[in-house]
């Protein structure tokens, strides 16, 4: 069996998970304040905070899933930024559907 990393072992305690969740929320709250300042503060801080919050809170995951269902356009780019496996599977599925549709269009006779 593979040995778990230090991060994974630390995350197994409720206190550390709560602290990481609070840190993620803090990063998300600070990101808009750092947005007007020069540099990539918002672009780095907000996704990092979102990732920490989603990894360490079942409540945040439920809210995020609800957001994804209501706003699939915006949820797609957040999934890509966070490199979620669900986004990769969705892109593969869409590419496969597009290739199947293209092949079906080639087989269809043209009505000219």
Protein backbone atom coordinates (compact mmCIF):
# COMPACT_ATOMS: atom_id res chain seq x y z
CA UNK A 1 0.00 0.00 0.00
CA UNK A 2 1.25 3.48 -0.85
CA UNK A 3 2.29 5.75 1.99
CA UNK A 4 0.06 8.81 2.44
CA UNK A 5 1.63 12.22 2.12
CA UNK A 6 2.05 14.53 5.10
CA UNK A 7 -0.74 16.77 3.78
CA UNK A 8 -3.14 13.83 3.58
CA UNK A 9 -2.25 12.67 7.09
CA UNK A 10 -2.72 16.15 8.52
CA UNK A 11 -6.06 16.57 6.77
CA UNK A 12 -7.42 13.50 8.54
CA UNK A 13 -8.09 15.51 11.72
CA UNK A 14 -11.20 17.66 11.99
CA UNK A 15 -9.34 20.65 13.44
CA UNK A 16 -6.91 20.85 10.52
CA UNK A 17 -9.74 20.47 8.00
CA UNK A 18 -11.63 23.29 9.68
CA UNK A 19 -8.53 25.50 9.71
CA UNK A 20 -7.91 24.82 6.00
CA UNK A 21 -11.56 25.58 5.19
CA UNK A 22 -11.39 28.88 7.10
CA UNK A 23 -8.10 29.71 5.35
CA UNK A 24 -9.73 29.01 1.97
CA UNK A 25 -12.68 31.28 2.83
CA UNK A 26 -10.26 33.97 3.96
CA UNK A 27 -8.37 33.73 0.66
CA UNK A 28 -11.63 34.07 -1.28
CA UNK A 29 -12.63 37.11 0.76
CA UNK A 30 -9.22 38.78 0.34
CA UNK A 31 -9.04 38.13 -3.41
CA UNK A 32 -11.40 40.97 -4.49
CA UNK A 33 -9.54 43.38 -2.21
CA UNK A 34 -6.25 42.49 -3.90
CA UNK A 35 -7.77 42.63 -7.39
CA UNK A 36 -7.14 46.36 -8.02
CA UNK A 37 -3.51 46.10 -6.89
CA UNK A 38 -0.83 45.44 -9.51
CA UNK A 39 0.00 41.80 -9.98
CA UNK A 40 -1.94 38.56 -10.29
CA UNK A 41 -3.29 38.53 -6.72
CA UNK A 42 -6.92 37.75 -7.51
CA UNK A 43 -6.12 35.17 -10.18
CA UNK A 44 -3.99 33.17 -7.76
CA UNK A 45 -5.73 33.76 -4.45
CA UNK A 46 -9.35 33.06 -5.40
CA UNK A 47 -8.84 29.63 -7.05
CA UNK A 48 -6.51 28.61 -4.22
CA UNK A 49 -9.13 29.56 -1.64
CA UNK A 50 -11.87 27.82 -3.61
CA UNK A 51 -9.81 24.64 -3.85
CA UNK A 52 -9.07 24.65 -0.10
CA UNK A 53 -12.72 25.24 0.75
CA UNK A 54 -13.99 22.52 -1.59
CA UNK A 55 -11.43 19.95 -0.44
CA UNK A 56 -12.19 20.41 3.23
CA UNK A 57 -15.94 20.98 3.49
CA UNK A 58 -18.84 18.83 2.41
CA UNK A 59 -21.12 21.86 2.77
CA UNK A 60 -19.00 23.87 0.31
CA UNK A 61 -19.06 20.97 -2.15
CA UNK A 62 -22.88 20.85 -2.05
CA UNK A 63 -23.08 24.61 -2.68
CA UNK A 64 -20.59 24.30 -5.55
CA UNK A 65 -22.53 21.45 -7.16
CA UNK A 66 -25.72 23.51 -6.95
CA UNK A 67 -23.86 26.43 -8.57
CA UNK A 68 -22.57 24.15 -11.34
CA UNK A 69 -26.08 22.95 -12.16
CA UNK A 70 -27.50 26.47 -12.30
CA UNK A 71 -24.59 28.06 -14.18
CA UNK A 72 -22.79 25.40 -16.25
CA UNK A 73 -20.97 28.02 -18.31
CA UNK A 74 -19.18 29.52 -15.31
CA UNK A 75 -18.65 26.20 -13.57
CA UNK A 76 -16.78 24.88 -16.59
CA UNK A 77 -13.97 27.37 -16.31
CA UNK A 78 -13.68 26.92 -12.56
CA UNK A 79 -13.38 23.17 -13.05
CA UNK A 80 -10.68 23.70 -15.67
CA UNK A 81 -8.76 26.08 -13.45
CA UNK A 82 -8.92 23.68 -10.54
CA UNK A 83 -8.03 20.77 -12.83
CA UNK A 84 -10.93 18.70 -11.60
CA UNK A 85 -11.20 15.21 -13.08
CA UNK A 86 -14.90 15.76 -13.78
CA UNK A 87 -13.96 18.60 -16.16
CA UNK A 88 -11.50 16.37 -17.99
CA UNK A 89 -14.11 13.62 -18.37
CA UNK A 90 -16.65 16.15 -19.63
CA UNK A 91 -14.20 17.51 -22.25
CA UNK A 92 -13.43 13.95 -23.43
CA UNK A 93 -17.15 13.14 -23.65
CA UNK A 94 -17.84 16.33 -25.65
CA UNK A 95 -14.96 15.60 -28.03
CA UNK A 96 -16.25 12.06 -28.59
CA UNK A 97 -19.79 13.34 -29.26
CA UNK A 98 -18.44 15.95 -31.68
CA UNK A 99 -16.49 13.32 -33.63
CA UNK A 100 -19.53 11.02 -33.77
CA UNK A 101 -21.71 13.90 -35.00
CA UNK A 102 -19.10 14.84 -37.63
CA UNK A 103 -18.98 11.27 -38.93
CA UNK A 104 -22.77 11.12 -39.06
CA UNK A 105 -22.86 14.38 -41.02
CA UNK A 106 -20.37 12.95 -43.55
CA UNK A 107 -22.52 9.88 -44.13
CA UNK A 108 -25.70 11.92 -44.66
CA UNK A 109 -26.37 12.60 -48.36
CA UNK A 110 -26.51 16.25 -49.38
CA UNK A 111 -29.88 17.50 -50.58
CA UNK A 112 -28.87 19.98 -53.29
